[in-house]
Amino acid sequence: MIRTDALERTYRSRDGSAVLALHPLDLTIGAGTVHGLLGRNGAGKTTLCRILSTVLLPTSGTATVAGFDVVRETRRVRQRVSIVFGGDRGLYGRLSARQNVSYWGSLHGLRGARLRDRTASLLVRFGLEGREDEPVERFSRGMKQRVHLARGLVADPPVLLLDEPTNGMDPVAALEFRDFVRDLRAEGKTILLTTHDLAEAEAVCDELTFIDAGRVLHSSPVERFADAVGDACFVESGPLPPGLAAHLEADPRIVRVTAGRAGATIVTSDRAAAEDVITRLGREGVTPAGIRPPQIHEVYLQLSQKAATRAG
C-alpha cells in the first residue's frame, strides 16, 4: 500500500550547504497493517510523511501510495491518504470542531447530509459531543488532537499517516487512542504511525522501522525487533559495589553498564558473556535478577549508538 524506493530529500541550509534529511530510503508497508516509524526529533519521520501526503517533493527516488506515484499522480494519492499531525498544526482556531471537520470533508468532496452525518458521528466517536460548536482555540492540546483525528478520518481514506498523534494527550486518552488504532486496523486501514512513545508503538504496531538522521537502521515485524541487536543479552542485577561497573566495562564483551541506586543493567555481546557476568556478580555478592530480552527503547539505543559510531 505504501512503497518508497531510494527516496531522498535534500534541504538547503541558510549558508547554502546541502542537508540530507532522507538518505536513499527503501520501505514497503502492506495493506491493512500498522507500521511504526520510530526516531528522535530530526530523524526524518515528518519529512517522510510530508512526501507521502504530497505536501513535499522528494529530491530523488520514488514513492507510491495505493499504487499511485506521489509526484506524477498527486490528485489520486490525495484521494486515498490523510495525514494527522500532532500539536496545533492543521486546525483553524477560530472555527469550531464541527466546522474544522466539515471544512476538511468538503475539500474531499463530501456534501450535504453525508457530510453532516459523517462529521457528527466522528465528533461523537472522539468524545467531542457537547463541545463540537466551540472554537478550537479554547480547547486543550489533547482536545485539539481529537479534532485532528476526526478531521483525518472524515473522508474515510484507506491510508492514514499519523505523525505523533498522541502528542499532548493525557494517559487515559492515549490508551483510548490505542483501541482506536486497533479498530482502524480491523476496518482494513493502512496506518503509518510516527511516535516517540515506544510502548505505544509496541502495543499497536504490526511492524517497526527505526530511523535516525534520515537513515533506516532496522525494519522488521514487531515480534522480531530484538533481532536488530543480534546476540546481545541484558543482565539485570541489584546495586553494584563501587568500582565494579568500571571493571565490567573494561571487558570488551560488555557493551554498556547502566548502574544506579536501585540496580544495574549490563548489556553483553552474547549469551556466554552474560553468563560470565552473572558468575562475576555472584562472586561480588551482587544478586543478579537474570538474563532478559531487550526492551524496545534499548534496541533503539543500541542501533543509534552503532550508527553514531559508523558516522564518526
C-alpha atoms as a PDB file:
ATOM      1  CA  MET A   1       0.000   0.000   0.000  1.00  0.00           C
ATOM      2  CA  ILE A   2       2.971   2.312   0.692  1.00  0.00           C
ATOM      3  CA  ARG A   3       6.307   1.918  -1.027  1.00  0.00           C
ATOM      4  CA  THR A   4       9.436   4.010  -1.326  1.00  0.00           C
ATOM      5  CA  ASP A   5      12.452   3.208  -3.483  1.00  0.00           C
ATOM      6  CA  ALA A   6      15.720   5.073  -2.937  1.00  0.00           C
ATOM      7  CA  LEU A   7      13.652   8.012  -1.684  1.00  0.00           C
ATOM      8  CA  GLU A   8      15.806  11.030  -0.871  1.00  0.00           C
ATOM      9  CA  ARG A   9      15.167  14.573   0.293  1.00  0.00           C
ATOM     10  CA  THR A  10      17.791  17.317   0.493  1.00  0.00           C
ATOM     11  CA  TYR A  11      17.328  20.755   2.042  1.00  0.00           C
ATOM     12  CA  ARG A  12      19.415  23.862   1.673  1.00  0.00           C
ATOM     13  CA  SER A  13      20.677  25.367   4.929  1.00  0.00           C
ATOM     14  CA  ARG A  14      20.983  29.102   5.480  1.00  0.00           C
ATOM     15  CA  ASP A  15      24.620  29.061   4.424  1.00  0.00           C
ATOM     16  CA  GLY A  16      23.692  27.319   1.165  1.00  0.00           C
ATOM     17  CA  SER A  17      25.075  23.892   2.043  1.00  0.00           C
ATOM     18  CA  ALA A  18      23.065  20.754   1.340  1.00  0.00           C
ATOM     19  CA  VAL A  19      21.431  18.926   4.266  1.00  0.00           C
ATOM     20  CA  LEU A  20      20.315  15.370   3.594  1.00  0.00           C
ATOM     21  CA  ALA A  21      17.049  14.897   5.522  1.00  0.00           C
ATOM     22  CA  LEU A  22      16.319  11.490   3.984  1.00  0.00           C
ATOM     23  CA  HIS A  23      19.022   9.199   2.709  1.00  0.00           C
ATOM     24  CA  PRO A  24      18.015   6.773  -0.068  1.00  0.00           C
ATOM     25  CA  LEU A  25      15.175   5.098   1.775  1.00  0.00           C
ATOM     26  CA  ASP A  26      13.502   1.814   0.856  1.00  0.00           C
ATOM     27  CA  LEU A  27      10.306   0.948   2.705  1.00  0.00           C
ATOM     28  CA  THR A  28       7.315  -1.278   1.983  1.00  0.00           C
ATOM     29  CA  ILE A  29       4.109  -1.256   4.040  1.00  0.00           C
ATOM     30  CA  GLY A  30       1.460  -3.825   3.224  1.00  0.00           C
ATOM     31  CA  ALA A  31      -2.268  -3.134   3.085  1.00  0.00           C
ATOM     32  CA  GLY A  32      -4.138  -3.348   6.380  1.00  0.00           C
ATOM     33  CA  THR A  33      -1.050  -3.093   8.591  1.00  0.00           C
ATOM     34  CA  VAL A  34       0.021  -0.626  11.270  1.00  0.00           C
ATOM     35  CA  HIS A  35       3.634   0.362  10.698  1.00  0.00           C
ATOM     36  CA  GLY A  36       5.514   2.269  13.396  1.00  0.00           C
ATOM     37  CA  LEU A  37       8.216   4.765  12.430  1.00  0.00           C
ATOM     38  CA  LEU A  38      10.460   5.454  15.412  1.00  0.00           C
ATOM     39  CA  GLY A  39      13.204   8.013  15.802  1.00  0.00           C
ATOM     40  CA  ARG A  40      14.331  11.106  17.637  1.00  0.00           C
ATOM     41  CA  ASN A  41      13.459  14.670  16.588  1.00  0.00           C
ATOM     42  CA  GLY A  42      15.038  15.446  13.231  1.00  0.00           C
ATOM     43  CA  ALA A  43      15.330  11.791  12.255  1.00  0.00           C
ATOM     44  CA  GLY A  44      13.280  12.319   9.070  1.00  0.00           C
ATOM     45  CA  LYS A  45       9.902  10.955  10.164  1.00  0.00           C
ATOM     46  CA  THR A  46       7.849  14.060   9.402  1.00  0.00           C
ATOM     47  CA  THR A  47       9.737  14.623   6.149  1.00  0.00           C
ATOM     48  CA  LEU A  48       8.694  11.155   5.001  1.00  0.00           C
ATOM     49  CA  CYS A  49       5.050  11.785   5.990  1.00  0.00           C
ATOM     50  CA  ARG A  50       5.013  15.066   4.084  1.00  0.00           C
ATOM     51  CA  ILE A  51       6.340  13.404   0.947  1.00  0.00           C
ATOM     52  CA  LEU A  52       3.810  10.564   1.179  1.00  0.00           C
ATOM     53  CA  SER A  53       0.971  13.074   1.615  1.00  0.00           C
ATOM     54  CA  THR A  54       2.228  15.081  -1.425  1.00  0.00           C
ATOM     55  CA  VAL A  55       2.966  18.158   0.699  1.00  0.00           C
ATOM     56  CA  LEU A  56       6.685  17.902  -0.063  1.00  0.00           C
ATOM     57  CA  LEU A  57       8.513  16.810  -3.202  1.00  0.00           C
ATOM     58  CA  PRO A  58      11.328  14.276  -2.971  1.00  0.00           C
ATOM     59  CA  THR A  59      14.732  15.233  -4.300  1.00  0.00           C
ATOM     60  CA  SER A  60      15.154  11.829  -5.933  1.00  0.00           C
ATOM     61  CA  GLY A  61      13.759   8.312  -5.806  1.00  0.00           C
ATOM     62  CA  THR A  62      10.094   7.321  -5.905  1.00  0.00           C
ATOM     63  CA  ALA A  63       7.194   6.881  -3.507  1.00  0.00           C
ATOM     64  CA  THR A  64       3.773   5.379  -4.156  1.00  0.00           C
ATOM     65  CA  VAL A  65       0.577   5.224  -2.111  1.00  0.00           C
ATOM     66  CA  ALA A  66      -2.053   2.658  -3.118  1.00  0.00           C
ATOM     67  CA  GLY A  67      -0.061   2.189  -6.313  1.00  0.00           C
ATOM     68  CA  PHE A  68      -0.050   5.883  -7.304  1.00  0.00           C
ATOM     69  CA  ASP A  69       3.092   7.968  -7.599  1.00  0.00           C
ATOM     70  CA  VAL A  70       3.193  10.899  -5.161  1.00  0.00           C
ATOM     71  CA  VAL A  71       4.760  13.211  -7.781  1.00  0.00           C
ATOM     72  CA  ARG A  72       3.075  12.216 -11.059  1.00  0.00           C
ATOM     73  CA  GLU A  73      -0.344  11.230  -9.638  1.00  0.00           C
ATOM     74  CA  THR A  74      -0.754  13.704  -6.810  1.00  0.00           C
ATOM     75  CA  ARG A  75      -4.529  14.018  -7.055  1.00  0.00           C
ATOM     76  CA  ARG A  76      -5.094  10.259  -6.889  1.00  0.00           C
ATOM     77  CA  VAL A  77      -2.802   9.971  -3.873  1.00  0.00           C
ATOM     78  CA  ARG A  78      -4.631  12.764  -2.030  1.00  0.00           C
ATOM     79  CA  GLN A  79      -7.928  10.939  -2.565  1.00  0.00           C
ATOM     80  CA  ARG A  80      -6.541   7.922  -0.732  1.00  0.00           C
ATOM     81  CA  VAL A  81      -4.428   9.305   2.083  1.00  0.00           C
ATOM     82  CA  SER A  82      -4.938  11.592   5.060  1.00  0.00           C
ATOM     83  CA  ILE A  83      -2.327  12.939   7.453  1.00  0.00           C
ATOM     84  CA  VAL A  84      -2.826  13.774  11.118  1.00  0.00           C
ATOM     85  CA  PHE A  85      -0.135  15.970  12.662  1.00  0.00           C
ATOM     86  CA  GLY A  86       0.483  16.365  16.370  1.00  0.00           C
ATOM     87  CA  GLY A  87       0.051  19.726  18.087  1.00  0.00           C
ATOM     88  CA  ASP A  88      -1.839  22.697  16.672  1.00  0.00           C
ATOM     89  CA  ARG A  89      -0.847  22.386  13.028  1.00  0.00           C
ATOM     90  CA  GLY A  90      -3.666  21.980  10.527  1.00  0.00           C
ATOM     91  CA  LEU A  91      -6.526  23.393  12.607  1.00  0.00           C
ATOM     92  CA  TYR A  92      -8.301  26.745  12.374  1.00  0.00           C
ATOM     93  CA  GLY A  93      -8.520  28.074  15.911  1.00  0.00           C
ATOM     94  CA  ARG A  94     -11.453  30.439  15.413  1.00  0.00           C
ATOM     95  CA  LEU A  95     -13.588  27.733  13.813  1.00  0.00           C
ATOM     96  CA  SER A  96     -15.458  25.179  15.885  1.00  0.00           C
ATOM     97  CA  ALA A  97     -14.597  21.492  15.950  1.00  0.00           C
ATOM     98  CA  ARG A  98     -17.598  20.812  13.712  1.00  0.00           C
ATOM     99  CA  GLN A  99     -16.545  23.495  11.227  1.00  0.00           C
ATOM    100  CA  ASN A 100     -12.957  22.218  11.102  1.00  0.00           C
ATOM    101  CA  VAL A 101     -14.045  18.662  10.375  1.00  0.00           C
ATOM    102  CA  SER A 102     -16.766  19.724   7.917  1.00  0.00           C
ATOM    103  CA  TYR A 103     -14.397  22.012   6.042  1.00  0.00           C
ATOM    104  CA  TRP A 104     -11.886  19.218   5.584  1.00  0.00           C
ATOM    105  CA  GLY A 105     -14.631  16.860   4.457  1.00  0.00           C
ATOM    106  CA  SER A 106     -15.830  19.363   1.866  1.00  0.00           C
ATOM    107  CA  LEU A 107     -12.304  19.557   0.446  1.00  0.00           C
ATOM    108  CA  HIS A 108     -12.566  15.816  -0.131  1.00  0.00           C
ATOM    109  CA  GLY A 109     -15.852  16.185  -1.982  1.00  0.00           C
ATOM    110  CA  LEU A 110     -18.351  15.355   0.775  1.00  0.00           C
ATOM    111  CA  ARG A 111     -21.597  17.333   0.615  1.00  0.00           C
ATOM    112  CA  GLY A 112     -24.990  17.709   2.266  1.00  0.00           C
ATOM    113  CA  ALA A 113     -26.386  15.067   4.596  1.00  0.00           C
ATOM    114  CA  ARG A 114     -23.458  12.739   4.002  1.00  0.00           C
ATOM    115  CA  LEU A 115     -21.010  15.378   5.233  1.00  0.00           C
ATOM    116  CA  ARG A 116     -23.180  16.329   8.222  1.00  0.00           C
ATOM    117  CA  ASP A 117     -23.709  12.725   9.295  1.00  0.00           C
ATOM    118  CA  ARG A 118     -20.050  11.802   8.870  1.00  0.00           C
ATOM    119  CA  THR A 119     -18.908  14.852  10.835  1.00  0.00           C
ATOM    120  CA  ALA A 120     -21.381  14.269  13.651  1.00  0.00           C
ATOM    121  CA  SER A 121     -20.500  10.588  14.034  1.00  0.00           C
ATOM    122  CA  LEU A 122     -16.768  11.325  14.236  1.00  0.00           C
ATOM    123  CA  LEU A 123     -17.239  14.082  16.804  1.00  0.00           C
ATOM    124  CA  VAL A 124     -19.142  11.609  18.979  1.00  0.00           C
ATOM    125  CA  ARG A 125     -16.552   8.891  18.367  1.00  0.00           C
ATOM    126  CA  PHE A 126     -13.766  11.117  19.673  1.00  0.00           C
ATOM    127  CA  GLY A 127     -15.606  12.395  22.725  1.00  0.00           C
ATOM    128  CA  LEU A 128     -16.318  15.893  21.421  1.00  0.00           C
ATOM    129  CA  GLU A 129     -20.090  15.701  21.815  1.00  0.00           C
ATOM    130  CA  GLY A 130     -21.331  18.767  23.661  1.00  0.00           C
ATOM    131  CA  ARG A 131     -18.325  20.868  22.662  1.00  0.00           C
ATOM    132  CA  GLU A 132     -18.488  20.461  18.911  1.00  0.00           C
ATOM    133  CA  ASP A 133     -19.598  24.067  18.329  1.00  0.00           C
ATOM    134  CA  GLU A 134     -16.936  25.742  20.487  1.00  0.00           C
ATOM    135  CA  PRO A 135     -13.940  27.447  18.839  1.00  0.00           C
ATOM    136  CA  VAL A 136     -10.986  25.072  18.733  1.00  0.00           C
ATOM    137  CA  GLU A 137      -8.693  27.768  20.160  1.00  0.00           C
ATOM    138  CA  ARG A 138     -10.414  27.219  23.527  1.00  0.00           C
ATOM    139  CA  PHE A 139      -9.564  23.524  23.562  1.00  0.00           C
ATOM    140  CA  SER A 140      -6.761  21.849  25.479  1.00  0.00           C
ATOM    141  CA  ARG A 141      -3.980  20.283  23.473  1.00  0.00           C
ATOM    142  CA  GLY A 142      -5.445  16.844  23.974  1.00  0.00           C
ATOM    143  CA  MET A 143      -8.867  18.007  22.777  1.00  0.00           C
ATOM    144  CA  LYS A 144      -7.274  19.511  19.690  1.00  0.00           C
ATOM    145  CA  GLN A 145      -5.724  16.135  18.953  1.00  0.00           C
ATOM    146  CA  ARG A 146      -9.201  14.605  18.994  1.00  0.00           C
ATOM    147  CA  VAL A 147     -10.285  17.153  16.392  1.00  0.00           C
ATOM    148  CA  HIS A 148      -7.201  16.265  14.337  1.00  0.00           C
ATOM    149  CA  LEU A 149      -8.168  12.600  14.365  1.00  0.00           C
ATOM    150  CA  ALA A 150     -11.763  13.322  13.374  1.00  0.00           C
ATOM    151  CA  ARG A 151     -10.537  15.588  10.579  1.00  0.00           C
ATOM    152  CA  GLY A 152      -8.181  12.899   9.321  1.00  0.00           C
ATOM    153  CA  LEU A 153     -10.936  10.301   9.109  1.00  0.00           C
ATOM    154  CA  VAL A 154     -13.776  12.377   7.686  1.00  0.00           C
ATOM    155  CA  ALA A 155     -13.100  11.280   4.095  1.00  0.00           C
ATOM    156  CA  ASP A 156     -12.657   7.635   5.184  1.00  0.00           C
ATOM    157  CA  PRO A 157      -9.267   7.220   3.417  1.00  0.00           C
ATOM    158  CA  PRO A 158      -7.690   3.757   3.099  1.00  0.00           C
ATOM    159  CA  VAL A 159      -4.293   5.125   4.204  1.00  0.00           C
ATOM    160  CA  LEU A 160      -3.637   7.184   7.337  1.00  0.00           C
ATOM    161  CA  LEU A 161      -0.384   8.937   8.219  1.00  0.00           C
ATOM    162  CA  LEU A 162      -0.391   9.637  11.949  1.00  0.00           C
ATOM    163  CA  ASP A 163       2.502  11.942  12.836  1.00  0.00           C
ATOM    164  CA  GLU A 164       2.823  11.836  16.643  1.00  0.00           C
ATOM    165  CA  PRO A 165      -0.967  11.796  17.058  1.00  0.00           C
ATOM    166  CA  THR A 166      -0.939  11.365  20.868  1.00  0.00           C
ATOM    167  CA  ASN A 167       1.223  14.450  21.386  1.00  0.00           C
ATOM    168  CA  GLY A 168      -0.424  16.360  24.251  1.00  0.00           C
ATOM    169  CA  MET A 169      -2.941  13.666  25.134  1.00  0.00           C
ATOM    170  CA  ASP A 170      -3.369  12.655  28.771  1.00  0.00           C
ATOM    171  CA  PRO A 171      -2.622   8.992  29.654  1.00  0.00           C
ATOM    172  CA  VAL A 172      -6.281   7.930  29.536  1.00  0.00           C
ATOM    173  CA  ALA A 173      -6.810   9.494  26.106  1.00  0.00           C
ATOM    174  CA  ALA A 174      -3.573   7.919  24.853  1.00  0.00           C
ATOM    175  CA  LEU A 175      -4.795   4.482  25.913  1.00  0.00           C
ATOM    176  CA  GLU A 176      -8.106   5.124  24.178  1.00  0.00           C
ATOM    177  CA  PHE A 177      -6.115   6.023  21.073  1.00  0.00           C
ATOM    178  CA  ARG A 178      -4.554   2.564  21.066  1.00  0.00           C
ATOM    179  CA  ASP A 179      -8.013   0.991  20.946  1.00  0.00           C
ATOM    180  CA  PHE A 180      -8.904   3.380  18.150  1.00  0.00           C
ATOM    181  CA  VAL A 181      -5.890   2.267  16.081  1.00  0.00           C
ATOM    182  CA  ARG A 182      -6.799  -1.376  16.622  1.00  0.00           C
ATOM    183  CA  ASP A 183     -10.327  -0.624  15.397  1.00  0.00           C
ATOM    184  CA  LEU A 184      -8.951   1.024  12.261  1.00  0.00           C
ATOM    185  CA  ARG A 185      -6.752  -1.978  11.567  1.00  0.00           C
ATOM    186  CA  ALA A 186      -9.819  -4.212  11.897  1.00  0.00           C
ATOM    187  CA  GLU A 187     -11.527  -1.974   9.317  1.00  0.00           C
ATOM    188  CA  GLY A 188      -8.663  -2.647   6.895  1.00  0.00           C
ATOM    189  CA  LYS A 189      -6.912   0.724   7.130  1.00  0.00           C
ATOM    190  CA  THR A 190      -3.210   1.009   6.403  1.00  0.00           C
ATOM    191  CA  ILE A 191      -1.520   3.187   9.017  1.00  0.00           C
ATOM    192  CA  LEU A 192       1.935   4.730   9.214  1.00  0.00           C
ATOM    193  CA  LEU A 193       2.410   5.879  12.811  1.00  0.00           C
ATOM    194  CA  THR A 194       5.312   8.074  13.894  1.00  0.00           C
ATOM    195  CA  THR A 195       5.765   8.324  17.628  1.00  0.00           C
ATOM    196  CA  HIS A 196       8.204   8.890  20.482  1.00  0.00           C
ATOM    197  CA  ASP A 197       6.119   6.601  22.696  1.00  0.00           C
ATOM    198  CA  LEU A 198       7.895   3.286  22.237  1.00  0.00           C
ATOM    199  CA  ALA A 199       5.458   1.385  24.443  1.00  0.00           C
ATOM    200  CA  GLU A 200       2.611   2.689  22.291  1.00  0.00           C
ATOM    201  CA  ALA A 201       4.383   1.537  19.135  1.00  0.00           C
ATOM    202  CA  GLU A 202       4.980  -1.919  20.535  1.00  0.00           C
ATOM    203  CA  ALA A 203       1.347  -2.178  21.661  1.00  0.00           C
ATOM    204  CA  VAL A 204      -0.384  -1.236  18.394  1.00  0.00           C
ATOM    205  CA  CYS A 205       2.044  -1.808  15.516  1.00  0.00           C
ATOM    206  CA  ASP A 206       2.489  -4.875  13.331  1.00  0.00           C
ATOM    207  CA  GLU A 207       5.857  -3.669  12.028  1.00  0.00           C
ATOM    208  CA  LEU A 208       8.530  -1.263  13.240  1.00  0.00           C
ATOM    209  CA  THR A 209      11.124   0.808  11.423  1.00  0.00           C
ATOM    210  CA  PHE A 210      13.879   2.569  13.356  1.00  0.00           C
ATOM    211  CA  ILE A 211      15.140   5.700  11.606  1.00  0.00           C
ATOM    212  CA  ASP A 212      17.973   8.046  12.558  1.00  0.00           C
ATOM    213  CA  ALA A 213      19.419  11.026  10.670  1.00  0.00           C
ATOM    214  CA  GLY A 214      17.336  10.098   7.639  1.00  0.00           C
ATOM    215  CA  ARG A 215      18.616   6.514   7.505  1.00  0.00           C
ATOM    216  CA  VAL A 216      16.706   3.313   8.193  1.00  0.00           C
ATOM    217  CA  LEU A 217      18.556   1.468  10.947  1.00  0.00           C
ATOM    218  CA  HIS A 218      16.270  -1.556  11.109  1.00  0.00           C
ATOM    219  CA  SER A 219      12.850  -2.667   9.913  1.00  0.00           C
ATOM    220  CA  SER A 220      11.015  -5.811  10.997  1.00  0.00           C
ATOM    221  CA  PRO A 221       7.758  -7.253  12.372  1.00  0.00           C
ATOM    222  CA  VAL A 222       7.252  -6.055  15.939  1.00  0.00           C
ATOM    223  CA  GLU A 223       7.781  -9.511  17.418  1.00  0.00           C
ATOM    224  CA  ARG A 224      11.246  -9.625  15.854  1.00  0.00           C
ATOM    225  CA  PHE A 225      12.523  -6.135  16.657  1.00  0.00           C
ATOM    226  CA  ALA A 226      15.037  -7.609  19.116  1.00  0.00           C
ATOM    227  CA  ASP A 227      16.789  -9.286  16.164  1.00  0.00           C
ATOM    228  CA  ALA A 228      18.270  -5.861  15.428  1.00  0.00           C
ATOM    229  CA  VAL A 229      20.766  -6.280  18.272  1.00  0.00           C
ATOM    230  CA  GLY A 230      21.760  -9.786  17.266  1.00  0.00           C
ATOM    231  CA  ASP A 231      23.049 -11.919  20.145  1.00  0.00           C
ATOM    232  CA  ALA A 232      23.188  -9.074  22.681  1.00  0.00           C
ATOM    233  CA  CYS A 233      21.888 -10.004  26.144  1.00  0.00           C
ATOM    234  CA  PHE A 234      20.668  -7.851  29.017  1.00  0.00           C
ATOM    235  CA  VAL A 235      21.533  -8.782  32.610  1.00  0.00           C
ATOM    236  CA  GLU A 236      19.602  -7.193  35.468  1.00  0.00           C
ATOM    237  CA  SER A 237      21.138  -7.030  38.950  1.00  0.00           C
ATOM    238  CA  GLY A 238      20.956  -5.325  42.302  1.00  0.00           C
ATOM    239  CA  PRO A 239      23.118  -2.270  43.110  1.00  0.00           C
ATOM    240  CA  LEU A 240      26.787  -2.649  42.179  1.00  0.00           C
ATOM    241  CA  PRO A 241      29.588  -2.058  44.698  1.00  0.00           C
ATOM    242  CA  PRO A 242      31.925   0.887  43.997  1.00  0.00           C
ATOM    243  CA  GLY A 243      34.266   0.314  41.091  1.00  0.00           C
ATOM    244  CA  LEU A 244      32.600  -2.832  39.753  1.00  0.00           C
ATOM    245  CA  ALA A 245      30.885  -1.043  36.868  1.00  0.00           C
ATOM    246  CA  ALA A 246      34.249   0.216  35.606  1.00  0.00           C
ATOM    247  CA  HIS A 247      35.768  -3.268  35.874  1.00  0.00           C
ATOM    248  CA  LEU A 248      32.880  -4.766  33.944  1.00  0.00           C
ATOM    249  CA  GLU A 249      33.119  -2.128  31.195  1.00  0.00           C
ATOM    250  CA  ALA A 250      36.803  -2.993  30.737  1.00  0.00           C
ATOM    251  CA  ASP A 251      35.702  -6.349  29.334  1.00  0.00           C
ATOM    252  CA  PRO A 252      35.395  -5.963  25.525  1.00  0.00           C
ATOM    253  CA  ARG A 253      32.360  -8.249  25.595  1.00  0.00           C
ATOM    254  CA  ILE A 254      30.456  -5.738  27.738  1.00  0.00           C
ATOM    255  CA  VAL A 255      28.561  -3.286  25.533  1.00  0.00           C
ATOM    256  CA  ARG A 256      27.252  -0.992  28.265  1.00  0.00           C
ATOM    257  CA  VAL A 257      26.696  -0.824  32.028  1.00  0.00           C
ATOM    258  CA  THR A 258      23.925   1.357  33.394  1.00  0.00           C
ATOM    259  CA  ALA A 259      24.152   1.489  37.179  1.00  0.00           C
ATOM    260  CA  GLY A 260      22.056   3.308  39.761  1.00  0.00           C
ATOM    261  CA  ARG A 261      20.963   3.086  43.363  1.00  0.00           C
ATOM    262  CA  ALA A 262      18.126   0.703  42.564  1.00  0.00           C
ATOM    263  CA  GLY A 263      20.203  -1.675  40.455  1.00  0.00           C
ATOM    264  CA  ALA A 264      22.084  -2.120  37.211  1.00  0.00           C
ATOM    265  CA  THR A 265      21.608  -3.290  33.639  1.00  0.00           C
ATOM    266  CA  ILE A 266      24.612  -4.866  31.952  1.00  0.00           C
ATOM    267  CA  VAL A 267      24.469  -5.338  28.181  1.00  0.00           C
ATOM    268  CA  THR A 268      26.724  -8.082  26.827  1.00  0.00           C
ATOM    269  CA  SER A 269      27.666  -9.070  23.302  1.00  0.00           C
ATOM    270  CA  ASP A 270      26.357 -12.634  23.632  1.00  0.00           C
ATOM    271  CA  ARG A 271      24.885 -15.244  25.967  1.00  0.00           C
ATOM    272  CA  ALA A 272      28.222 -16.656  27.096  1.00  0.00           C
ATOM    273  CA  ALA A 273      29.370 -13.208  28.207  1.00  0.00           C
ATOM    274  CA  ALA A 274      26.078 -12.695  30.062  1.00  0.00           C
ATOM    275  CA  GLU A 275      26.558 -15.956  31.961  1.00  0.00           C
ATOM    276  CA  ASP A 276      30.124 -14.924  32.887  1.00  0.00           C
ATOM    277  CA  VAL A 277      28.746 -11.621  34.204  1.00  0.00           C
ATOM    278  CA  ILE A 278      26.238 -13.455  36.387  1.00  0.00           C
ATOM    279  CA  THR A 279      29.056 -15.584  37.802  1.00  0.00           C
ATOM    280  CA  ARG A 280      31.135 -12.460  38.476  1.00  0.00           C
ATOM    281  CA  LEU A 281      28.226 -10.721  40.190  1.00  0.00           C
ATOM    282  CA  GLY A 282      27.722 -13.753  42.421  1.00  0.00           C
ATOM    283  CA  ARG A 283      31.382 -13.629  43.498  1.00  0.00           C
ATOM    284  CA  GLU A 284      30.972  -9.935  44.327  1.00  0.00           C
ATOM    285  CA  GLY A 285      27.896 -10.584  46.456  1.00  0.00           C
ATOM    286  CA  VAL A 286      25.528  -8.939  43.983  1.00  0.00           C
ATOM    287  CA  THR A 287      22.223 -10.687  43.371  1.00  0.00           C
ATOM    288  CA  PRO A 288      21.516 -10.934  39.624  1.00  0.00           C
ATOM    289  CA  ALA A 289      17.896 -10.937  38.510  1.00  0.00           C
ATOM    290  CA  GLY A 290      18.825 -12.953  35.440  1.00  0.00           C
ATOM    291  CA  ILE A 291      19.029 -12.515  31.683  1.00  0.00           C
ATOM    292  CA  ARG A 292      16.122 -10.889  29.850  1.00  0.00           C
ATOM    293  CA  PRO A 293      15.361  -9.908  26.245  1.00  0.00           C
ATOM    294  CA  PRO A 294      15.930  -6.259  25.284  1.00  0.00           C
ATOM    295  CA  GLN A 295      13.126  -3.733  25.527  1.00  0.00           C
ATOM    296  CA  ILE A 296      12.213  -1.650  22.546  1.00  0.00           C
ATOM    297  CA  HIS A 297      13.905   1.539  23.780  1.00  0.00           C
ATOM    298  CA  GLU A 298      17.104  -0.425  24.403  1.00  0.00           C
ATOM    299  CA  VAL A 299      17.074  -1.769  20.870  1.00  0.00           C
ATOM    300  CA  TYR A 300      16.735   1.752  19.518  1.00  0.00           C
ATOM    301  CA  LEU A 301      19.560   2.992  21.763  1.00  0.00           C
ATOM    302  CA  GLN A 302      21.847   0.203  20.561  1.00  0.00           C
ATOM    303  CA  LEU A 303      21.083   0.960  16.927  1.00  0.00           C
ATOM    304  CA  SER A 304      21.602   4.697  17.419  1.00  0.00           C
ATOM    305  CA  GLN A 305      24.953   4.142  19.085  1.00  0.00           C
ATOM    306  CA  LYS A 306      26.102   1.881  16.272  1.00  0.00           C
ATOM    307  CA  ALA A 307      25.010   4.449  13.685  1.00  0.00           C
ATOM    308  CA  ALA A 308      26.854   7.247  15.545  1.00  0.00           C
ATOM    309  CA  THR A 309      30.000   5.098  15.697  1.00  0.00           C
ATOM    310  CA  ARG A 310      29.883   4.430  11.956  1.00  0.00           C
ATOM    311  CA  ALA A 311      29.280   8.115  11.189  1.00  0.00           C
ATOM    312  CA  GLY A 312      32.172   9.145  13.417  1.00  0.00           C
END
